[in-house]
Amino acid sequence: MTAMPPALERFGVELETAARRDLRASRRRRLLSLAAVPAAIAAFAVALLVGLPGGGAPPIERATAALQISDETILHVRLLGEQHNPDGSVVRWRSESWQLAEAPYTRRQIEVQADGIRAESLTRGKTNELYDAKRDTIYVASQDELTLPSKVEIVSRARLRKLVPGAHVQAAYLKASPNGYKVIATEEGAERLAQHAGGTPQDSAGVEDPFRSDILSMLNSGRSEVAGHVEVDGRDAIRIESSDGNQAYLVDAGTYAPLQWISTGEGGRVTLSFPVYEELPADAESMEVFDLAAQHPGAQVVHDPDSYRAAEARLFPHG
């Protein structure tokens, strides 16, 4: 059986636990490790939200304050990533993002992965958009549409037990078929899925910040220390290191905005650099960056969850 599309893989896991608890809305999260797909690391650019550093506070306190979220602004970040693997190979990628740090936490992101695939996405609350440059097409789908397949086959408990030995009587099961993927469920399981579709809005969870927490954890650990001044692309920077030396955070010596985040371990190293890190006013002109149709005039717009899933599989082939 071929690998399932990323969205359906996530859904399959949820289906297996449907009979034991209410399903919660899923959100695609990309986690960084030295072996992770580099494109996933670009989400970090969205999470570092800068504020005004405070007065004459110590450098670590000022670096911490500079990560606070600013309201009524758009954070614009350009990120360059570089991963040095234990075998000596080097993988590079880049991304650019715009984040409105207030509900519904609108975010637009352009990612150019190591294999050259360019993916552009936009999320606004429960609405998801993807732009495929090769096809000059914008695909649109809601979170609910992406969570639930378009068709659910209702079967009896006995039939479900026969198809899925050991399955709970209320469980729904995702399986491959000659025509793609479908869900098999008892009436109770189907009802749970319908309830799941009306779940918690995506914007209630706030800003995704899978790496901001890592940096703040280091800064707030009481075991990080200032390692002095260094130069980063001609800019005076302050280097802050973890006590074990495995992590280093470099900030602008004047504004304390992030310049680099370096993480080492298991014989490898990942460096994230921020050549552009700025806040834009959330005015009418700046808000145009969140209109994909305006950014790509003439592009075809397709409202269809299946087409969105297919585009997601093309643009994010590694998940």
C-alpha atoms as a PDB file:
ATOM      1  CA  MET A   1       0.000   0.000   0.000  1.00  0.00           C
ATOM      2  CA  THR A   2       1.372   3.426  -0.886  1.00  0.00           C
ATOM      3  CA  ALA A   3       2.054   6.081   1.741  1.00  0.00           C
ATOM      4  CA  MET A   4      -0.997   8.072   2.721  1.00  0.00           C
ATOM      5  CA  PRO A   5      -1.143  11.846   2.193  1.00  0.00           C
ATOM      6  CA  PRO A   6       0.060  13.794   5.281  1.00  0.00           C
ATOM      7  CA  ALA A   7      -3.394  15.060   6.192  1.00  0.00           C
ATOM      8  CA  LEU A   8      -4.893  11.553   6.023  1.00  0.00           C
ATOM      9  CA  GLU A   9      -2.097  10.044   8.102  1.00  0.00           C
ATOM     10  CA  ARG A  10      -2.921  12.482  10.874  1.00  0.00           C
ATOM     11  CA  PHE A  11      -6.605  11.703  10.530  1.00  0.00           C
ATOM     12  CA  GLY A  12      -6.006   7.966  10.676  1.00  0.00           C
ATOM     13  CA  VAL A  13      -4.417   8.268  14.091  1.00  0.00           C
ATOM     14  CA  GLU A  14      -7.386  10.254  15.349  1.00  0.00           C
ATOM     15  CA  LEU A  15      -9.833   7.685  14.067  1.00  0.00           C
ATOM     16  CA  GLU A  16      -8.199   4.897  16.046  1.00  0.00           C
ATOM     17  CA  THR A  17      -8.948   6.712  19.314  1.00  0.00           C
ATOM     18  CA  ALA A  18     -12.401   8.043  18.410  1.00  0.00           C
ATOM     19  CA  ALA A  19     -14.237   5.534  20.618  1.00  0.00           C
ATOM     20  CA  ARG A  20     -12.225   6.386  23.735  1.00  0.00           C
ATOM     21  CA  ARG A  21     -12.255  10.188  23.705  1.00  0.00           C
ATOM     22  CA  ASP A  22     -13.560  13.162  21.799  1.00  0.00           C
ATOM     23  CA  LEU A  23     -11.312  13.993  18.895  1.00  0.00           C
ATOM     24  CA  ARG A  24      -9.574  17.314  19.020  1.00  0.00           C
ATOM     25  CA  ALA A  25      -8.786  19.492  16.010  1.00  0.00           C
ATOM     26  CA  SER A  26      -5.446  18.546  14.529  1.00  0.00           C
ATOM     27  CA  ARG A  27      -2.830  21.039  13.477  1.00  0.00           C
ATOM     28  CA  ARG A  28       0.172  20.224  11.340  1.00  0.00           C
ATOM     29  CA  ARG A  29       3.311  20.790  13.443  1.00  0.00           C
ATOM     30  CA  ARG A  30       6.829  20.508  12.165  1.00  0.00           C
ATOM     31  CA  LEU A  31       9.417  19.475  14.703  1.00  0.00           C
ATOM     32  CA  LEU A  32      13.117  20.206  14.498  1.00  0.00           C
ATOM     33  CA  SER A  33      15.783  17.568  15.020  1.00  0.00           C
ATOM     34  CA  LEU A  34      19.124  17.045  13.359  1.00  0.00           C
ATOM     35  CA  ALA A  35      17.513  14.355  11.212  1.00  0.00           C
ATOM     36  CA  ALA A  36      14.305  16.301  10.486  1.00  0.00           C
ATOM     37  CA  VAL A  37      13.253  17.528   7.076  1.00  0.00           C
ATOM     38  CA  PRO A  38      14.713  21.030   6.759  1.00  0.00           C
ATOM     39  CA  ALA A  39      11.502  22.528   5.371  1.00  0.00           C
ATOM     40  CA  ALA A  40       9.849  21.861   8.725  1.00  0.00           C
ATOM     41  CA  ILE A  41      12.310  24.112  10.505  1.00  0.00           C
ATOM     42  CA  ALA A  42      11.007  27.157   8.688  1.00  0.00           C
ATOM     43  CA  ALA A  43       8.039  27.311  11.100  1.00  0.00           C
ATOM     44  CA  PHE A  44      10.488  28.762  13.694  1.00  0.00           C
ATOM     45  CA  ALA A  45      10.606  32.023  11.750  1.00  0.00           C
ATOM     46  CA  VAL A  46       6.940  32.530  12.547  1.00  0.00           C
ATOM     47  CA  ALA A  47       7.419  32.032  16.275  1.00  0.00           C
ATOM     48  CA  LEU A  48      10.097  34.574  17.244  1.00  0.00           C
ATOM     49  CA  LEU A  49       8.016  37.659  17.993  1.00  0.00           C
ATOM     50  CA  VAL A  50      10.024  40.683  18.971  1.00  0.00           C
ATOM     51  CA  GLY A  51       9.145  43.517  21.328  1.00  0.00           C
ATOM     52  CA  LEU A  52      11.070  46.478  22.616  1.00  0.00           C
ATOM     53  CA  PRO A  53      13.966  45.410  24.843  1.00  0.00           C
ATOM     54  CA  GLY A  54      13.857  46.897  28.278  1.00  0.00           C
ATOM     55  CA  GLY A  55      16.130  49.717  29.411  1.00  0.00           C
ATOM     56  CA  GLY A  56      19.305  48.808  31.201  1.00  0.00           C
ATOM     57  CA  ALA A  57      18.358  45.261  32.138  1.00  0.00           C
ATOM     58  CA  PRO A  58      21.014  42.508  31.875  1.00  0.00           C
ATOM     59  CA  PRO A  59      21.518  41.064  28.371  1.00  0.00           C
ATOM     60  CA  ILE A  60      19.696  37.787  29.031  1.00  0.00           C
ATOM     61  CA  GLU A  61      16.677  39.626  30.403  1.00  0.00           C
ATOM     62  CA  ARG A  62      16.658  41.969  27.424  1.00  0.00           C
ATOM     63  CA  ALA A  63      16.941  39.039  25.007  1.00  0.00           C
ATOM     64  CA  THR A  64      13.979  37.413  26.766  1.00  0.00           C
ATOM     65  CA  ALA A  65      11.935  40.621  26.598  1.00  0.00           C
ATOM     66  CA  ALA A  66      12.680  40.920  22.888  1.00  0.00           C
ATOM     67  CA  LEU A  67      10.752  37.689  22.272  1.00  0.00           C
ATOM     68  CA  GLN A  68       7.471  39.066  23.583  1.00  0.00           C
ATOM     69  CA  ILE A  69       4.530  39.246  21.185  1.00  0.00           C
ATOM     70  CA  SER A  70       3.659  42.679  19.784  1.00  0.00           C
ATOM     71  CA  ASP A  71       0.014  43.481  19.057  1.00  0.00           C
ATOM     72  CA  GLU A  72      -1.256  45.237  15.938  1.00  0.00           C
ATOM     73  CA  THR A  73       1.918  44.562  13.979  1.00  0.00           C
ATOM     74  CA  ILE A  74       3.017  42.142  11.285  1.00  0.00           C
ATOM     75  CA  LEU A  75       6.233  40.269  11.930  1.00  0.00           C
ATOM     76  CA  HIS A  76       8.245  39.843   8.730  1.00  0.00           C
ATOM     77  CA  VAL A  77      11.065  37.328   8.867  1.00  0.00           C
ATOM     78  CA  ARG A  78      13.461  35.974   6.266  1.00  0.00           C
ATOM     79  CA  LEU A  79      15.221  32.815   7.410  1.00  0.00           C
ATOM     80  CA  LEU A  80      18.210  30.888   6.083  1.00  0.00           C
ATOM     81  CA  GLY A  81      18.757  27.384   7.420  1.00  0.00           C
ATOM     82  CA  GLU A  82      21.814  25.193   7.294  1.00  0.00           C
ATOM     83  CA  GLN A  83      22.102  21.654   8.595  1.00  0.00           C
ATOM     84  CA  HIS A  84      25.465  19.894   8.944  1.00  0.00           C
ATOM     85  CA  ASN A  85      24.954  16.148   9.243  1.00  0.00           C
ATOM     86  CA  PRO A  86      27.282  13.633  10.930  1.00  0.00           C
ATOM     87  CA  ASP A  87      28.244  12.175   7.536  1.00  0.00           C
ATOM     88  CA  GLY A  88      29.634  15.540   6.434  1.00  0.00           C
ATOM     89  CA  SER A  89      26.763  16.456   4.139  1.00  0.00           C
ATOM     90  CA  VAL A  90      25.214  19.921   4.320  1.00  0.00           C
ATOM     91  CA  VAL A  91      21.563  20.749   3.631  1.00  0.00           C
ATOM     92  CA  ARG A  92      20.374  24.327   3.094  1.00  0.00           C
ATOM     93  CA  TRP A  93      16.899  25.867   2.818  1.00  0.00           C
ATOM     94  CA  ARG A  94      15.222  29.236   3.173  1.00  0.00           C
ATOM     95  CA  SER A  95      11.877  30.740   4.020  1.00  0.00           C
ATOM     96  CA  GLU A  96      10.063  34.043   4.361  1.00  0.00           C
ATOM     97  CA  SER A  97       7.033  34.661   6.541  1.00  0.00           C
ATOM     98  CA  TRP A  98       4.550  37.303   7.582  1.00  0.00           C
ATOM     99  CA  GLN A  99       2.632  36.823  10.857  1.00  0.00           C
ATOM    100  CA  LEU A 100      -0.236  38.853  12.284  1.00  0.00           C
ATOM    101  CA  ALA A 101       0.125  38.248  16.020  1.00  0.00           C
ATOM    102  CA  GLU A 102      -3.554  38.531  16.942  1.00  0.00           C
ATOM    103  CA  ALA A 103      -6.703  36.516  16.259  1.00  0.00           C
ATOM    104  CA  PRO A 104      -7.218  34.864  13.876  1.00  0.00           C
ATOM    105  CA  TYR A 105      -3.382  34.693  13.733  1.00  0.00           C
ATOM    106  CA  THR A 106      -3.085  35.055   9.987  1.00  0.00           C
ATOM    107  CA  ARG A 107       0.195  33.776   8.581  1.00  0.00           C
ATOM    108  CA  ARG A 108       1.693  33.623   5.120  1.00  0.00           C
ATOM    109  CA  GLN A 109       4.844  31.629   4.538  1.00  0.00           C
ATOM    110  CA  ILE A 110       7.051  30.872   1.544  1.00  0.00           C
ATOM    111  CA  GLU A 111       9.367  27.899   1.874  1.00  0.00           C
ATOM    112  CA  VAL A 112      12.080  26.825  -0.543  1.00  0.00           C
ATOM    113  CA  GLN A 113      13.151  23.367   0.513  1.00  0.00           C
ATOM    114  CA  ALA A 114      16.523  21.718   0.038  1.00  0.00           C
ATOM    115  CA  ASP A 115      15.263  19.902  -3.053  1.00  0.00           C
ATOM    116  CA  GLY A 116      14.178  23.194  -4.636  1.00  0.00           C
ATOM    117  CA  ILE A 117      10.427  22.728  -4.141  1.00  0.00           C
ATOM    118  CA  ARG A 118       8.771  26.101  -3.488  1.00  0.00           C
ATOM    119  CA  ALA A 119       5.683  26.016  -1.286  1.00  0.00           C
ATOM    120  CA  GLU A 120       3.585  29.014  -0.344  1.00  0.00           C
ATOM    121  CA  SER A 121       0.883  28.727   2.291  1.00  0.00           C
ATOM    122  CA  LEU A 122      -1.540  30.967   4.133  1.00  0.00           C
ATOM    123  CA  THR A 123      -3.641  30.228   7.204  1.00  0.00           C
ATOM    124  CA  ARG A 124      -6.364  32.453   8.602  1.00  0.00           C
ATOM    125  CA  GLY A 125      -8.311  30.918  11.460  1.00  0.00           C
ATOM    126  CA  LYS A 126      -9.702  27.659  10.055  1.00  0.00           C
ATOM    127  CA  THR A 127      -9.069  28.593   6.416  1.00  0.00           C
ATOM    128  CA  ASN A 128      -6.044  27.116   4.642  1.00  0.00           C
ATOM    129  CA  GLU A 129      -4.604  28.171   1.281  1.00  0.00           C
ATOM    130  CA  LEU A 130      -1.748  26.751  -0.789  1.00  0.00           C
ATOM    131  CA  TYR A 131      -0.190  28.296  -3.898  1.00  0.00           C
ATOM    132  CA  ASP A 132       1.382  25.980  -6.451  1.00  0.00           C
ATOM    133  CA  ALA A 133       3.657  28.168  -8.602  1.00  0.00           C
ATOM    134  CA  LYS A 134       4.169  25.503 -11.286  1.00  0.00           C
ATOM    135  CA  ARG A 135       0.419  25.262 -11.846  1.00  0.00           C
ATOM    136  CA  ASP A 136      -0.256  28.928 -10.983  1.00  0.00           C
ATOM    137  CA  THR A 137      -3.140  27.748  -8.813  1.00  0.00           C
ATOM    138  CA  ILE A 138      -4.352  28.648  -5.321  1.00  0.00           C
ATOM    139  CA  TYR A 139      -6.006  25.764  -3.456  1.00  0.00           C
ATOM    140  CA  VAL A 140      -8.427  26.605  -0.626  1.00  0.00           C
ATOM    141  CA  ALA A 141      -9.961  24.339   2.038  1.00  0.00           C
ATOM    142  CA  SER A 142     -11.200  24.668   5.595  1.00  0.00           C
ATOM    143  CA  GLN A 143      -9.693  22.811   8.529  1.00  0.00           C
ATOM    144  CA  ASP A 144     -12.918  20.832   8.885  1.00  0.00           C
ATOM    145  CA  GLU A 145     -12.812  19.743   5.242  1.00  0.00           C
ATOM    146  CA  LEU A 146      -9.208  18.628   5.610  1.00  0.00           C
ATOM    147  CA  THR A 147      -9.883  16.769   8.845  1.00  0.00           C
ATOM    148  CA  LEU A 148     -12.746  14.680   7.518  1.00  0.00           C
ATOM    149  CA  PRO A 149     -12.694  12.752   4.232  1.00  0.00           C
ATOM    150  CA  SER A 150     -15.518  13.567   1.870  1.00  0.00           C
ATOM    151  CA  LYS A 151     -17.128  10.113   2.200  1.00  0.00           C
ATOM    152  CA  VAL A 152     -17.846   7.919   5.200  1.00  0.00           C
ATOM    153  CA  GLU A 153     -19.202   4.386   4.715  1.00  0.00           C
ATOM    154  CA  ILE A 154     -21.535   3.314   7.513  1.00  0.00           C
ATOM    155  CA  VAL A 155     -21.295  -0.368   8.450  1.00  0.00           C
ATOM    156  CA  SER A 156     -22.634  -2.543  11.235  1.00  0.00           C
ATOM    157  CA  ARG A 157     -20.586  -3.349  14.323  1.00  0.00           C
ATOM    158  CA  ALA A 158     -20.216  -6.929  13.177  1.00  0.00           C
ATOM    159  CA  ARG A 159     -19.033  -5.812   9.746  1.00  0.00           C
ATOM    160  CA  LEU A 160     -16.511  -3.400  11.279  1.00  0.00           C
ATOM    161  CA  ARG A 161     -15.184  -6.141  13.564  1.00  0.00           C
ATOM    162  CA  LYS A 162     -14.755  -8.382  10.521  1.00  0.00           C
ATOM    163  CA  LEU A 163     -12.996  -5.698   8.477  1.00  0.00           C
ATOM    164  CA  VAL A 164     -10.842  -4.524  11.377  1.00  0.00           C
ATOM    165  CA  PRO A 165     -10.231  -7.387  13.816  1.00  0.00           C
ATOM    166  CA  GLY A 166     -10.053  -6.145  17.372  1.00  0.00           C
ATOM    167  CA  ALA A 167     -11.436  -2.694  16.566  1.00  0.00           C
ATOM    168  CA  HIS A 168     -13.739  -1.000  19.046  1.00  0.00           C
ATOM    169  CA  VAL A 169     -17.370  -1.097  17.982  1.00  0.00           C
ATOM    170  CA  GLN A 170     -17.569   2.688  17.638  1.00  0.00           C
ATOM    171  CA  ALA A 171     -14.238   3.114  15.894  1.00  0.00           C
ATOM    172  CA  ALA A 172     -13.857   4.467  12.391  1.00  0.00           C
ATOM    173  CA  TYR A 173     -11.141   3.062  10.206  1.00  0.00           C
ATOM    174  CA  LEU A 174      -9.218   4.638   7.351  1.00  0.00           C
ATOM    175  CA  LYS A 175      -8.149   2.252   4.619  1.00  0.00           C
ATOM    176  CA  ALA A 176      -6.849   2.315   1.069  1.00  0.00           C
ATOM    177  CA  SER A 177      -9.134   1.419  -1.814  1.00  0.00           C
ATOM    178  CA  PRO A 178      -8.662   1.351  -5.605  1.00  0.00           C
ATOM    179  CA  ASN A 179     -10.264   4.810  -5.716  1.00  0.00           C
ATOM    180  CA  GLY A 180      -8.219   6.355  -2.922  1.00  0.00           C
ATOM    181  CA  TYR A 181      -8.966   6.595   0.795  1.00  0.00           C
ATOM    182  CA  LYS A 182     -12.218   6.265   2.644  1.00  0.00           C
ATOM    183  CA  VAL A 183     -13.553   5.934   6.169  1.00  0.00           C
ATOM    184  CA  ILE A 184     -15.503   2.963   7.460  1.00  0.00           C
ATOM    185  CA  ALA A 185     -17.459   3.632  10.649  1.00  0.00           C
ATOM    186  CA  THR A 186     -20.350   2.469  12.756  1.00  0.00           C
ATOM    187  CA  GLU A 187     -23.205   4.934  13.184  1.00  0.00           C
ATOM    188  CA  GLU A 188     -21.746   5.915  16.567  1.00  0.00           C
ATOM    189  CA  GLY A 189     -18.321   6.440  15.032  1.00  0.00           C
ATOM    190  CA  ALA A 190     -19.747   8.551  12.216  1.00  0.00           C
ATOM    191  CA  GLU A 191     -21.581  10.704  14.763  1.00  0.00           C
ATOM    192  CA  ARG A 192     -18.325  11.322  16.609  1.00  0.00           C
ATOM    193  CA  LEU A 193     -16.675  12.385  13.376  1.00  0.00           C
ATOM    194  CA  ALA A 194     -19.505  14.800  12.640  1.00  0.00           C
ATOM    195  CA  GLN A 195     -19.085  16.308  16.108  1.00  0.00           C
ATOM    196  CA  HIS A 196     -15.364  16.577  15.500  1.00  0.00           C
ATOM    197  CA  ALA A 197     -15.972  18.657  12.386  1.00  0.00           C
ATOM    198  CA  GLY A 198     -17.485  21.389  14.532  1.00  0.00           C
ATOM    199  CA  GLY A 199     -14.600  21.402  16.983  1.00  0.00           C
ATOM    200  CA  THR A 200     -12.467  24.145  18.422  1.00  0.00           C
ATOM    201  CA  PRO A 201     -11.532  26.912  15.979  1.00  0.00           C
ATOM    202  CA  GLN A 202      -7.896  26.850  15.018  1.00  0.00           C
ATOM    203  CA  ASP A 203      -7.294  30.435  16.095  1.00  0.00           C
ATOM    204  CA  SER A 204      -8.122  29.652  19.736  1.00  0.00           C
ATOM    205  CA  ALA A 205      -4.738  28.001  20.204  1.00  0.00           C
ATOM    206  CA  GLY A 206      -2.838  31.187  19.414  1.00  0.00           C
ATOM    207  CA  VAL A 207       0.500  31.509  17.692  1.00  0.00           C
ATOM    208  CA  GLU A 208       2.438  28.350  16.918  1.00  0.00           C
ATOM    209  CA  ASP A 209       5.848  28.631  18.521  1.00  0.00           C
ATOM    210  CA  PRO A 210       7.592  25.245  18.587  1.00  0.00           C
ATOM    211  CA  PHE A 211      11.035  26.841  18.872  1.00  0.00           C
ATOM    212  CA  ARG A 212      10.363  30.039  20.743  1.00  0.00           C
ATOM    213  CA  SER A 213       9.753  27.875  23.799  1.00  0.00           C
ATOM    214  CA  ASP A 214      13.159  26.199  23.346  1.00  0.00           C
ATOM    215  CA  ILE A 215      14.953  29.538  23.266  1.00  0.00           C
ATOM    216  CA  LEU A 216      13.011  30.889  26.226  1.00  0.00           C
ATOM    217  CA  SER A 217      13.730  27.677  28.103  1.00  0.00           C
ATOM    218  CA  MET A 218      17.436  28.246  27.628  1.00  0.00           C
ATOM    219  CA  LEU A 219      17.231  31.928  28.537  1.00  0.00           C
ATOM    220  CA  ASN A 220      15.109  31.250  31.633  1.00  0.00           C
ATOM    221  CA  SER A 221      17.020  28.184  32.810  1.00  0.00           C
ATOM    222  CA  GLY A 222      19.413  30.154  34.969  1.00  0.00           C
ATOM    223  CA  ARG A 223      22.212  28.150  33.379  1.00  0.00           C
ATOM    224  CA  SER A 224      22.814  30.232  30.251  1.00  0.00           C
ATOM    225  CA  GLU A 225      25.522  32.861  30.139  1.00  0.00           C
ATOM    226  CA  VAL A 226      26.686  35.755  28.006  1.00  0.00           C
ATOM    227  CA  ALA A 227      29.739  34.684  26.003  1.00  0.00           C
ATOM    228  CA  GLY A 228      30.697  38.147  24.770  1.00  0.00           C
ATOM    229  CA  HIS A 229      30.390  40.146  21.554  1.00  0.00           C
ATOM    230  CA  VAL A 230      30.807  38.673  18.067  1.00  0.00           C
ATOM    231  CA  GLU A 231      30.189  39.933  14.549  1.00  0.00           C
ATOM    232  CA  VAL A 232      27.355  38.522  12.430  1.00  0.00           C
ATOM    233  CA  ASP A 233      27.288  39.725   8.834  1.00  0.00           C
ATOM    234  CA  GLY A 234      28.873  43.008   9.834  1.00  0.00           C
ATOM    235  CA  ARG A 235      26.548  43.553  12.803  1.00  0.00           C
ATOM    236  CA  ASP A 236      27.633  43.723  16.432  1.00  0.00           C
ATOM    237  CA  ALA A 237      25.999  40.797  18.223  1.00  0.00           C
ATOM    238  CA  ILE A 238      25.830  39.373  21.726  1.00  0.00           C
ATOM    239  CA  ARG A 239      26.294  35.616  22.028  1.00  0.00           C
ATOM    240  CA  ILE A 240      24.371  33.757  24.741  1.00  0.00           C
ATOM    241  CA  GLU A 241      25.216  30.092  25.315  1.00  0.00           C
ATOM    242  CA  SER A 242      23.686  27.210  27.225  1.00  0.00           C
ATOM    243  CA  SER A 243      25.786  25.811  30.055  1.00  0.00           C
ATOM    244  CA  ASP A 244      26.622  22.653  28.073  1.00  0.00           C
ATOM    245  CA  GLY A 245      27.583  24.646  24.989  1.00  0.00           C
ATOM    246  CA  ASN A 246      25.116  22.806  22.751  1.00  0.00           C
ATOM    247  CA  GLN A 247      22.954  25.846  22.085  1.00  0.00           C
ATOM    248  CA  ALA A 248      23.847  29.419  21.195  1.00  0.00           C
ATOM    249  CA  TYR A 249      21.563  32.388  20.634  1.00  0.00           C
ATOM    250  CA  LEU A 250      22.976  35.481  18.916  1.00  0.00           C
ATOM    251  CA  VAL A 251      21.096  38.771  19.146  1.00  0.00           C
ATOM    252  CA  ASP A 252      21.644  42.266  17.821  1.00  0.00           C
ATOM    253  CA  ALA A 253      23.667  44.197  20.403  1.00  0.00           C
ATOM    254  CA  GLY A 254      21.391  47.234  20.073  1.00  0.00           C
ATOM    255  CA  THR A 255      17.854  45.885  19.601  1.00  0.00           C
ATOM    256  CA  TYR A 256      18.291  42.316  20.916  1.00  0.00           C
ATOM    257  CA  ALA A 257      16.404  41.034  17.880  1.00  0.00           C
ATOM    258  CA  PRO A 258      17.414  37.472  16.878  1.00  0.00           C
ATOM    259  CA  LEU A 259      20.260  37.022  14.426  1.00  0.00           C
ATOM    260  CA  GLN A 260      21.095  33.322  14.780  1.00  0.00           C
ATOM    261  CA  TRP A 261      20.023  30.223  16.655  1.00  0.00           C
ATOM    262  CA  ILE A 262      22.542  27.354  16.718  1.00  0.00           C
ATOM    263  CA  SER A 263      21.842  23.868  18.023  1.00  0.00           C
ATOM    264  CA  THR A 264      24.365  21.033  18.090  1.00  0.00           C
ATOM    265  CA  GLY A 265      24.154  17.384  19.067  1.00  0.00           C
ATOM    266  CA  GLU A 266      24.589  13.810  17.845  1.00  0.00           C
ATOM    267  CA  GLY A 267      27.487  14.851  15.654  1.00  0.00           C
ATOM    268  CA  GLY A 268      25.545  17.490  13.717  1.00  0.00           C
ATOM    269  CA  ARG A 269      24.623  21.145  13.827  1.00  0.00           C
ATOM    270  CA  VAL A 270      21.669  23.279  12.733  1.00  0.00           C
ATOM    271  CA  THR A 271      22.007  27.027  12.244  1.00  0.00           C
ATOM    272  CA  LEU A 272      19.072  29.337  11.623  1.00  0.00           C
ATOM    273  CA  SER A 273      19.980  32.857  10.480  1.00  0.00           C
ATOM    274  CA  PHE A 274      17.671  35.867  10.212  1.00  0.00           C
ATOM    275  CA  PRO A 275      18.875  38.410   7.615  1.00  0.00           C
ATOM    276  CA  VAL A 276      15.500  40.178   7.873  1.00  0.00           C
ATOM    277  CA  TYR A 277      13.578  40.499  11.118  1.00  0.00           C
ATOM    278  CA  GLU A 278      11.231  43.459  11.279  1.00  0.00           C
ATOM    279  CA  GLU A 279       7.815  44.566  12.449  1.00  0.00           C
ATOM    280  CA  LEU A 280       5.438  46.189   9.973  1.00  0.00           C
ATOM    281  CA  PRO A 281       2.370  48.251  10.858  1.00  0.00           C
ATOM    282  CA  ALA A 282      -0.861  46.304  10.449  1.00  0.00           C
ATOM    283  CA  ASP A 283      -2.297  48.906   8.070  1.00  0.00           C
ATOM    284  CA  ALA A 284      -4.233  48.404   4.851  1.00  0.00           C
ATOM    285  CA  GLU A 285      -1.101  48.390   2.699  1.00  0.00           C
ATOM    286  CA  SER A 286       0.786  45.844   4.800  1.00  0.00           C
ATOM    287  CA  MET A 287      -2.259  43.594   5.162  1.00  0.00           C
ATOM    288  CA  GLU A 288      -2.197  42.983   1.401  1.00  0.00           C
ATOM    289  CA  VAL A 289       0.579  40.436   1.985  1.00  0.00           C
ATOM    290  CA  PHE A 290      -2.144  38.107   3.328  1.00  0.00           C
ATOM    291  CA  ASP A 291      -4.120  38.127   0.053  1.00  0.00           C
ATOM    292  CA  LEU A 292      -2.715  35.322  -2.110  1.00  0.00           C
ATOM    293  CA  ALA A 293      -4.973  36.236  -5.031  1.00  0.00           C
ATOM    294  CA  ALA A 294      -3.577  39.781  -4.977  1.00  0.00           C
ATOM    295  CA  GLN A 295      -0.016  38.447  -4.687  1.00  0.00           C
ATOM    296  CA  HIS A 296      -0.571  36.174  -7.690  1.00  0.00           C
ATOM    297  CA  PRO A 297      -2.966  37.961 -10.055  1.00  0.00           C
ATOM    298  CA  GLY A 298      -4.360  35.671 -12.695  1.00  0.00           C
ATOM    299  CA  ALA A 299      -3.861  32.518 -10.657  1.00  0.00           C
ATOM    300  CA  GLN A 300      -6.686  29.991 -10.752  1.00  0.00           C
ATOM    301  CA  VAL A 301      -8.486  29.529  -7.420  1.00  0.00           C
ATOM    302  CA  VAL A 302      -9.780  26.039  -6.573  1.00  0.00           C
ATOM    303  CA  HIS A 303     -12.039  25.429  -3.554  1.00  0.00           C
ATOM    304  CA  ASP A 304     -11.831  21.670  -3.059  1.00  0.00           C
ATOM    305  CA  PRO A 305     -10.363  19.664  -0.142  1.00  0.00           C
ATOM    306  CA  ASP A 306      -9.221  16.753  -2.325  1.00  0.00           C
ATOM    307  CA  SER A 307      -7.347  19.113  -4.656  1.00  0.00           C
ATOM    308  CA  TYR A 308      -5.841  20.811  -1.603  1.00  0.00           C
ATOM    309  CA  ARG A 309      -4.625  17.462  -0.245  1.00  0.00           C
ATOM    310  CA  ALA A 310      -3.078  16.598  -3.593  1.00  0.00           C
ATOM    311  CA  ALA A 311      -1.292  19.969  -3.712  1.00  0.00           C
ATOM    312  CA  GLU A 312      -0.096  19.483  -0.130  1.00  0.00           C
ATOM    313  CA  ALA A 313       1.388  16.106  -1.061  1.00  0.00           C
ATOM    314  CA  ARG A 314       3.191  17.682  -4.036  1.00  0.00           C
ATOM    315  CA  LEU A 315       4.510  20.728  -2.184  1.00  0.00           C
ATOM    316  CA  PHE A 316       5.402  18.932   1.047  1.00  0.00           C
ATOM    317  CA  PRO A 317       6.498  15.485  -0.165  1.00  0.00           C
ATOM    318  CA  HIS A 318       8.352  14.784   3.099  1.00  0.00           C
ATOM    319  CA  GLY A 319       5.401  15.673   5.327  1.00  0.00           C
END
